[in-house]
Amino acid sequence: MKKLEKVVAETFHLSESEVTDSMEMKTVDSWDSLTHMELIANLECEFDIEFTADEIMEMTTVAQIRKLLEAKTNGN
């Protein structure tokens, strides 16, 4: 899912090659509560979906985000 890497990289000002499934909110310096909400908004816009509050709280790693996106986009 190349779009995910693109959105994460743009949100956190990284190169796409730096974006891995093992990236976590607690280990990325630029991933704070404000950029987390920016990431959510960017993902919702890019993938034309909406996340619930519970889903947003769960999205603390790129792997979790990928899993959620796959579940939401495969249903469409």
N, C-alpha and C. Protein backbone atom coordinates (compact mmCIF):
# COMPACT_ATOMS: atom_id res chain seq x y z
N MET A 1 0.86 -1.18 0.00
CA MET A 1 0.00 0.00 0.00
C MET A 1 0.91 1.24 0.00
N LYS A 2 1.31 1.61 -1.18
CA LYS A 2 2.28 2.71 -1.33
C LYS A 2 1.71 4.05 -0.88
N LYS A 3 0.39 4.22 -0.99
CA LYS A 3 -0.20 5.49 -0.56
C LYS A 3 -0.01 5.73 0.93
N LEU A 4 -0.03 4.66 1.71
CA LEU A 4 0.17 4.81 3.15
C LEU A 4 1.55 5.37 3.44
N GLU A 5 2.58 4.81 2.82
CA GLU A 5 3.94 5.29 3.03
C GLU A 5 4.06 6.76 2.64
N LYS A 6 3.42 7.12 1.54
CA LYS A 6 3.46 8.51 1.06
C LYS A 6 2.84 9.45 2.09
N VAL A 7 1.68 9.11 2.61
CA VAL A 7 0.99 9.97 3.57
C VAL A 7 1.79 10.07 4.87
N VAL A 8 2.29 8.95 5.36
CA VAL A 8 3.08 8.97 6.60
C VAL A 8 4.34 9.80 6.41
N ALA A 9 5.03 9.59 5.30
CA ALA A 9 6.26 10.34 5.03
C ALA A 9 6.00 11.84 4.95
N GLU A 10 4.95 12.23 4.24
CA GLU A 10 4.63 13.66 4.11
C GLU A 10 4.23 14.25 5.46
N THR A 11 3.48 13.54 6.24
CA THR A 11 3.01 14.05 7.53
C THR A 11 4.17 14.27 8.49
N PHE A 12 5.11 13.31 8.52
CA PHE A 12 6.22 13.39 9.48
C PHE A 12 7.51 13.92 8.88
N HIS A 13 7.43 14.40 7.64
CA HIS A 13 8.59 14.99 6.96
C HIS A 13 9.76 14.00 6.88
N LEU A 14 9.45 12.82 6.37
CA LEU A 14 10.42 11.75 6.18
C LEU A 14 10.45 11.36 4.72
N SER A 15 11.43 10.56 4.34
CA SER A 15 11.39 9.97 3.00
C SER A 15 10.54 8.71 3.08
N GLU A 16 9.93 8.34 1.97
CA GLU A 16 9.08 7.15 1.96
C GLU A 16 9.86 5.91 2.35
N SER A 17 11.14 5.87 2.02
CA SER A 17 11.96 4.69 2.35
C SER A 17 12.17 4.53 3.85
N GLU A 18 11.97 5.60 4.62
CA GLU A 18 12.11 5.53 6.07
C GLU A 18 10.87 4.96 6.76
N VAL A 19 9.77 4.90 6.05
CA VAL A 19 8.51 4.45 6.63
C VAL A 19 8.46 2.93 6.62
N THR A 20 8.38 2.34 7.82
CA THR A 20 8.30 0.89 7.96
C THR A 20 7.14 0.53 8.88
N ASP A 21 6.70 -0.70 8.81
CA ASP A 21 5.60 -1.16 9.67
C ASP A 21 5.98 -1.09 11.15
N SER A 22 7.26 -1.13 11.45
CA SER A 22 7.68 -1.13 12.86
C SER A 22 7.72 0.27 13.47
N MET A 23 7.47 1.31 12.67
CA MET A 23 7.43 2.68 13.21
C MET A 23 6.32 2.79 14.24
N GLU A 24 6.64 3.39 15.39
CA GLU A 24 5.66 3.56 16.47
C GLU A 24 5.59 5.02 16.88
N MET A 25 4.42 5.39 17.37
CA MET A 25 4.21 6.75 17.84
C MET A 25 5.25 7.13 18.89
N LYS A 26 5.57 6.19 19.78
CA LYS A 26 6.48 6.50 20.88
C LYS A 26 7.95 6.58 20.46
N THR A 27 8.29 6.12 19.24
CA THR A 27 9.69 6.14 18.82
C THR A 27 9.99 7.15 17.72
N VAL A 28 8.97 7.81 17.19
CA VAL A 28 9.17 8.83 16.15
C VAL A 28 9.02 10.20 16.79
N ASP A 29 10.11 10.95 16.82
CA ASP A 29 10.11 12.25 17.51
C ASP A 29 9.01 13.18 17.04
N SER A 30 8.75 13.20 15.75
CA SER A 30 7.75 14.14 15.22
C SER A 30 6.32 13.63 15.34
N TRP A 31 6.12 12.42 15.86
CA TRP A 31 4.79 11.83 15.99
C TRP A 31 4.24 12.12 17.37
N ASP A 32 3.62 13.27 17.52
CA ASP A 32 2.98 13.65 18.78
C ASP A 32 1.47 13.70 18.57
N SER A 33 0.74 14.16 19.57
CA SER A 33 -0.72 14.14 19.46
C SER A 33 -1.23 15.04 18.33
N LEU A 34 -0.56 16.15 18.10
CA LEU A 34 -0.98 17.06 17.03
C LEU A 34 -0.73 16.44 15.65
N THR A 35 0.47 15.90 15.43
CA THR A 35 0.74 15.30 14.13
C THR A 35 -0.04 13.99 13.95
N HIS A 36 -0.41 13.35 15.06
CA HIS A 36 -1.25 12.16 14.96
C HIS A 36 -2.60 12.53 14.34
N MET A 37 -3.18 13.62 14.80
CA MET A 37 -4.46 14.05 14.24
C MET A 37 -4.30 14.53 12.80
N GLU A 38 -3.17 15.14 12.50
CA GLU A 38 -2.89 15.53 11.11
C GLU A 38 -2.78 14.28 10.23
N LEU A 39 -2.11 13.25 10.75
CA LEU A 39 -1.99 12.00 10.01
C LEU A 39 -3.37 11.39 9.76
N ILE A 40 -4.21 11.38 10.77
CA ILE A 40 -5.56 10.82 10.62
C ILE A 40 -6.33 11.58 9.53
N ALA A 41 -6.28 12.90 9.59
CA ALA A 41 -6.98 13.72 8.60
C ALA A 41 -6.43 13.45 7.20
N ASN A 42 -5.12 13.33 7.07
CA ASN A 42 -4.51 13.07 5.77
C ASN A 42 -4.90 11.69 5.24
N LEU A 43 -4.93 10.70 6.12
CA LEU A 43 -5.33 9.35 5.71
C LEU A 43 -6.80 9.32 5.30
N GLU A 44 -7.65 9.97 6.06
CA GLU A 44 -9.09 10.00 5.74
C GLU A 44 -9.31 10.66 4.38
N CYS A 45 -8.57 11.71 4.11
CA CYS A 45 -8.69 12.42 2.83
C CYS A 45 -8.15 11.55 1.68
N GLU A 46 -6.98 11.01 1.85
CA GLU A 46 -6.32 10.22 0.79
C GLU A 46 -7.11 8.96 0.45
N PHE A 47 -7.65 8.28 1.47
CA PHE A 47 -8.34 7.01 1.25
C PHE A 47 -9.86 7.16 1.21
N ASP A 48 -10.37 8.38 1.41
CA ASP A 48 -11.81 8.66 1.39
C ASP A 48 -12.57 7.75 2.35
N ILE A 49 -12.08 7.73 3.61
CA ILE A 49 -12.71 6.94 4.67
C ILE A 49 -12.77 7.78 5.93
N GLU A 50 -13.46 7.27 6.94
CA GLU A 50 -13.49 7.92 8.25
C GLU A 50 -13.15 6.88 9.31
N PHE A 51 -12.41 7.33 10.30
CA PHE A 51 -12.05 6.47 11.42
C PHE A 51 -12.89 6.82 12.64
N THR A 52 -13.17 5.82 13.45
CA THR A 52 -13.87 6.06 14.72
C THR A 52 -12.84 6.51 15.75
N ALA A 53 -13.32 7.02 16.86
CA ALA A 53 -12.42 7.44 17.94
C ALA A 53 -11.61 6.26 18.45
N ASP A 54 -12.23 5.10 18.57
CA ASP A 54 -11.52 3.90 19.02
C ASP A 54 -10.41 3.52 18.04
N GLU A 55 -10.72 3.59 16.76
CA GLU A 55 -9.70 3.26 15.75
C GLU A 55 -8.53 4.24 15.81
N ILE A 56 -8.83 5.51 15.98
CA ILE A 56 -7.78 6.53 16.07
C ILE A 56 -6.86 6.25 17.25
N MET A 57 -7.44 5.83 18.37
CA MET A 57 -6.64 5.53 19.56
C MET A 57 -5.74 4.31 19.34
N GLU A 58 -6.18 3.37 18.51
CA GLU A 58 -5.41 2.16 18.24
C GLU A 58 -4.25 2.38 17.27
N MET A 59 -4.30 3.46 16.53
CA MET A 59 -3.35 3.68 15.44
C MET A 59 -2.03 4.26 15.95
N THR A 60 -1.26 3.43 16.64
CA THR A 60 0.01 3.90 17.22
C THR A 60 1.23 3.32 16.53
N THR A 61 1.02 2.46 15.54
CA THR A 61 2.13 1.96 14.72
C THR A 61 1.68 1.97 13.26
N VAL A 62 2.65 2.00 12.37
CA VAL A 62 2.33 1.94 10.95
C VAL A 62 1.66 0.60 10.63
N ALA A 63 2.10 -0.47 11.28
CA ALA A 63 1.49 -1.79 11.05
C ALA A 63 0.00 -1.79 11.42
N GLN A 64 -0.33 -1.16 12.55
CA GLN A 64 -1.74 -1.09 12.96
C GLN A 64 -2.56 -0.25 11.98
N ILE A 65 -1.96 0.84 11.52
CA ILE A 65 -2.65 1.69 10.54
C ILE A 65 -2.89 0.91 9.25
N ARG A 66 -1.88 0.18 8.79
CA ARG A 66 -2.01 -0.60 7.56
C ARG A 66 -3.14 -1.63 7.71
N LYS A 67 -3.17 -2.32 8.84
CA LYS A 67 -4.20 -3.35 9.08
C LYS A 67 -5.60 -2.73 9.05
N LEU A 68 -5.75 -1.59 9.70
CA LEU A 68 -7.04 -0.90 9.72
C LEU A 68 -7.45 -0.44 8.33
N LEU A 69 -6.50 0.14 7.60
CA LEU A 69 -6.79 0.60 6.24
C LEU A 69 -7.21 -0.55 5.34
N GLU A 70 -6.49 -1.66 5.45
CA GLU A 70 -6.84 -2.82 4.63
C GLU A 70 -8.24 -3.31 4.94
N ALA A 71 -8.60 -3.34 6.21
CA ALA A 71 -9.95 -3.78 6.58
C ALA A 71 -11.00 -2.82 6.05
N LYS A 72 -10.73 -1.53 6.12
CA LYS A 72 -11.71 -0.53 5.69
C LYS A 72 -11.82 -0.44 4.17
N THR A 73 -10.70 -0.56 3.47
CA THR A 73 -10.73 -0.39 2.01
C THR A 73 -11.12 -1.66 1.29
N ASN A 74 -10.90 -2.82 1.87
CA ASN A 74 -11.31 -4.07 1.24
C ASN A 74 -12.82 -4.27 1.29
N GLY A 75 -13.46 -3.60 2.23
CA GLY A 75 -14.91 -3.69 2.35
C GLY A 75 -15.65 -2.85 1.33
N ASN A 76 -14.92 -1.97 0.67
CA ASN A 76 -15.56 -1.08 -0.31
C ASN A 76 -15.47 -1.63 -1.71
